[in-house]
Amino acid sequence: MGANFRPETLSELAARGNVAVRCACGHRAVIDGPKLSRYFLAHLWDGRLHLVQDRLRCTRCRGKRVRLGLTFDQPTGPEWGPRSEREWKELVRRLRG
């Protein structure tokens, strides 16, 4: 990874690793990057990082003042979102109406 890597979108960040989420309260979590990116694509949400930050909230304080970054650490906390390909297809079908 180059020292000048500055991703602008969630998909660029997720292509390199997982997403580190840091809150102003000091809580830190790691989210599976490709899964988060796919979740945003399924919902047709804008993947620009400054807009992604607005959609996430801290699991400890419920605040929305989070910062995103790249990490190679394993995801922390309970698994969220669809767990199988079938569940992903069901989510997309439900969202598309």
C-alpha atoms as a PDB file:
ATOM      1  CA  MET A   1       0.000   0.000   0.000  1.00  0.00           C
ATOM      2  CA  GLY A   2       1.401   3.356  -0.982  1.00  0.00           C
ATOM      3  CA  ALA A   3       1.866   6.170   1.476  1.00  0.00           C
ATOM      4  CA  ASN A   4      -0.333   8.415  -0.663  1.00  0.00           C
ATOM      5  CA  PHE A   5      -3.393   6.138  -0.737  1.00  0.00           C
ATOM      6  CA  ARG A   6      -6.437   8.350  -0.119  1.00  0.00           C
ATOM      7  CA  PRO A   7      -9.633   6.513  -1.019  1.00  0.00           C
ATOM      8  CA  GLU A   8     -12.660   8.569  -1.920  1.00  0.00           C
ATOM      9  CA  THR A   9     -15.247   5.783  -1.962  1.00  0.00           C
ATOM     10  CA  LEU A  10     -16.136   2.825   0.202  1.00  0.00           C
ATOM     11  CA  SER A  11     -15.472   0.405  -2.651  1.00  0.00           C
ATOM     12  CA  GLU A  12     -11.898   1.745  -3.043  1.00  0.00           C
ATOM     13  CA  LEU A  13     -11.317   1.315   0.681  1.00  0.00           C
ATOM     14  CA  ALA A  14     -12.918  -2.152   0.806  1.00  0.00           C
ATOM     15  CA  ALA A  15     -10.828  -3.352  -2.142  1.00  0.00           C
ATOM     16  CA  ARG A  16      -7.724  -3.012   0.037  1.00  0.00           C
ATOM     17  CA  GLY A  17      -8.990  -4.379   3.370  1.00  0.00           C
ATOM     18  CA  ASN A  18     -11.444  -3.907   6.204  1.00  0.00           C
ATOM     19  CA  VAL A  19     -12.925  -0.667   7.520  1.00  0.00           C
ATOM     20  CA  ALA A  20     -11.826   0.738  10.872  1.00  0.00           C
ATOM     21  CA  VAL A  21     -14.560   2.853  12.455  1.00  0.00           C
ATOM     22  CA  ARG A  22     -13.543   5.260  15.229  1.00  0.00           C
ATOM     23  CA  CYS A  23     -16.004   7.288  17.263  1.00  0.00           C
ATOM     24  CA  ALA A  24     -15.419  10.551  19.116  1.00  0.00           C
ATOM     25  CA  CYS A  25     -16.230   8.687  22.367  1.00  0.00           C
ATOM     26  CA  GLY A  26     -13.087   6.566  21.841  1.00  0.00           C
ATOM     27  CA  HIS A  27     -14.807   3.348  20.721  1.00  0.00           C
ATOM     28  CA  ARG A  28     -13.193   1.524  17.800  1.00  0.00           C
ATOM     29  CA  ALA A  29     -14.586  -1.302  15.695  1.00  0.00           C
ATOM     30  CA  VAL A  30     -13.544  -3.136  12.549  1.00  0.00           C
ATOM     31  CA  ILE A  31     -16.144  -3.938   9.881  1.00  0.00           C
ATOM     32  CA  ASP A  32     -15.727  -6.406   7.015  1.00  0.00           C
ATOM     33  CA  GLY A  33     -14.934  -3.998   4.155  1.00  0.00           C
ATOM     34  CA  PRO A  34     -16.230  -5.976   1.167  1.00  0.00           C
ATOM     35  CA  LYS A  35     -19.436  -6.866   3.022  1.00  0.00           C
ATOM     36  CA  LEU A  36     -20.072  -3.230   4.015  1.00  0.00           C
ATOM     37  CA  SER A  37     -19.441  -2.100   0.442  1.00  0.00           C
ATOM     38  CA  ARG A  38     -21.836  -4.715  -0.923  1.00  0.00           C
ATOM     39  CA  TYR A  39     -24.464  -3.669   1.649  1.00  0.00           C
ATOM     40  CA  PHE A  40     -24.229  -0.050   0.488  1.00  0.00           C
ATOM     41  CA  LEU A  41     -24.480  -1.125  -3.157  1.00  0.00           C
ATOM     42  CA  ALA A  42     -27.557  -3.271  -2.426  1.00  0.00           C
ATOM     43  CA  HIS A  43     -29.285  -0.274  -0.840  1.00  0.00           C
ATOM     44  CA  LEU A  44     -28.131   2.035  -3.666  1.00  0.00           C
ATOM     45  CA  TRP A  45     -26.581   4.356  -1.086  1.00  0.00           C
ATOM     46  CA  ASP A  46     -23.846   6.783  -2.091  1.00  0.00           C
ATOM     47  CA  GLY A  47     -20.460   5.235  -1.318  1.00  0.00           C
ATOM     48  CA  ARG A  48     -18.406   8.403  -0.968  1.00  0.00           C
ATOM     49  CA  LEU A  49     -16.646   8.162   2.392  1.00  0.00           C
ATOM     50  CA  HIS A  50     -17.946  11.428   3.837  1.00  0.00           C
ATOM     51  CA  LEU A  51     -21.506  10.207   3.139  1.00  0.00           C
ATOM     52  CA  VAL A  52     -20.812   6.692   4.452  1.00  0.00           C
ATOM     53  CA  GLN A  53     -19.743   8.239   7.767  1.00  0.00           C
ATOM     54  CA  ASP A  54     -23.176   9.872   8.022  1.00  0.00           C
ATOM     55  CA  ARG A  55     -24.930   6.486   7.738  1.00  0.00           C
ATOM     56  CA  LEU A  56     -22.911   4.719  10.443  1.00  0.00           C
ATOM     57  CA  ARG A  57     -23.272   5.164  14.172  1.00  0.00           C
ATOM     58  CA  CYS A  58     -21.296   4.050  17.214  1.00  0.00           C
ATOM     59  CA  THR A  59     -22.565   0.882  18.892  1.00  0.00           C
ATOM     60  CA  ARG A  60     -21.500   2.176  22.295  1.00  0.00           C
ATOM     61  CA  CYS A  61     -22.761   5.786  22.483  1.00  0.00           C
ATOM     62  CA  ARG A  62     -25.069   5.720  19.403  1.00  0.00           C
ATOM     63  CA  GLY A  63     -23.331   8.865  18.169  1.00  0.00           C
ATOM     64  CA  LYS A  64     -22.835   9.617  14.489  1.00  0.00           C
ATOM     65  CA  ARG A  65     -19.452  11.295  14.813  1.00  0.00           C
ATOM     66  CA  VAL A  66     -17.436   8.416  13.311  1.00  0.00           C
ATOM     67  CA  ARG A  67     -14.264   8.372  11.221  1.00  0.00           C
ATOM     68  CA  LEU A  68     -13.387   5.671   8.714  1.00  0.00           C
ATOM     69  CA  GLY A  69     -10.023   4.240   7.843  1.00  0.00           C
ATOM     70  CA  LEU A  70      -8.311   1.245   6.291  1.00  0.00           C
ATOM     71  CA  THR A  71      -7.192  -1.665   8.455  1.00  0.00           C
ATOM     72  CA  PHE A  72      -6.003  -5.208   7.926  1.00  0.00           C
ATOM     73  CA  ASP A  73      -7.352  -6.344  11.322  1.00  0.00           C
ATOM     74  CA  GLN A  74     -10.093  -8.959  11.471  1.00  0.00           C
ATOM     75  CA  PRO A  75     -13.689  -7.711  11.911  1.00  0.00           C
ATOM     76  CA  THR A  76     -14.753  -7.279  15.541  1.00  0.00           C
ATOM     77  CA  GLY A  77     -18.085  -7.655  17.251  1.00  0.00           C
ATOM     78  CA  PRO A  78     -21.079  -9.698  16.185  1.00  0.00           C
ATOM     79  CA  GLU A  79     -21.585 -10.490  12.533  1.00  0.00           C
ATOM     80  CA  TRP A  80     -24.192  -8.285  10.895  1.00  0.00           C
ATOM     81  CA  GLY A  81     -26.013  -8.287   7.586  1.00  0.00           C
ATOM     82  CA  PRO A  82     -26.815 -11.207   5.293  1.00  0.00           C
ATOM     83  CA  ARG A  83     -24.821 -14.348   6.092  1.00  0.00           C
ATOM     84  CA  SER A  84     -25.312 -16.354   2.891  1.00  0.00           C
ATOM     85  CA  GLU A  85     -25.674 -15.705  -0.816  1.00  0.00           C
ATOM     86  CA  ARG A  86     -29.363 -16.619  -0.530  1.00  0.00           C
ATOM     87  CA  GLU A  87     -29.878 -13.942   2.140  1.00  0.00           C
ATOM     88  CA  TRP A  88     -28.089 -11.373  -0.048  1.00  0.00           C
ATOM     89  CA  LYS A  89     -30.403 -12.178  -2.962  1.00  0.00           C
ATOM     90  CA  GLU A  90     -33.430 -11.925  -0.652  1.00  0.00           C
ATOM     91  CA  LEU A  91     -32.247  -8.501   0.552  1.00  0.00           C
ATOM     92  CA  VAL A  92     -31.808  -7.210  -2.993  1.00  0.00           C
ATOM     93  CA  ARG A  93     -35.194  -8.616  -4.051  1.00  0.00           C
ATOM     94  CA  ARG A  94     -36.903  -6.979  -1.075  1.00  0.00           C
ATOM     95  CA  LEU A  95     -35.213  -3.631  -1.704  1.00  0.00           C
ATOM     96  CA  ARG A  96     -36.059  -3.631  -5.429  1.00  0.00           C
ATOM     97  CA  GLY A  97     -39.732  -4.298  -4.668  1.00  0.00           C
END
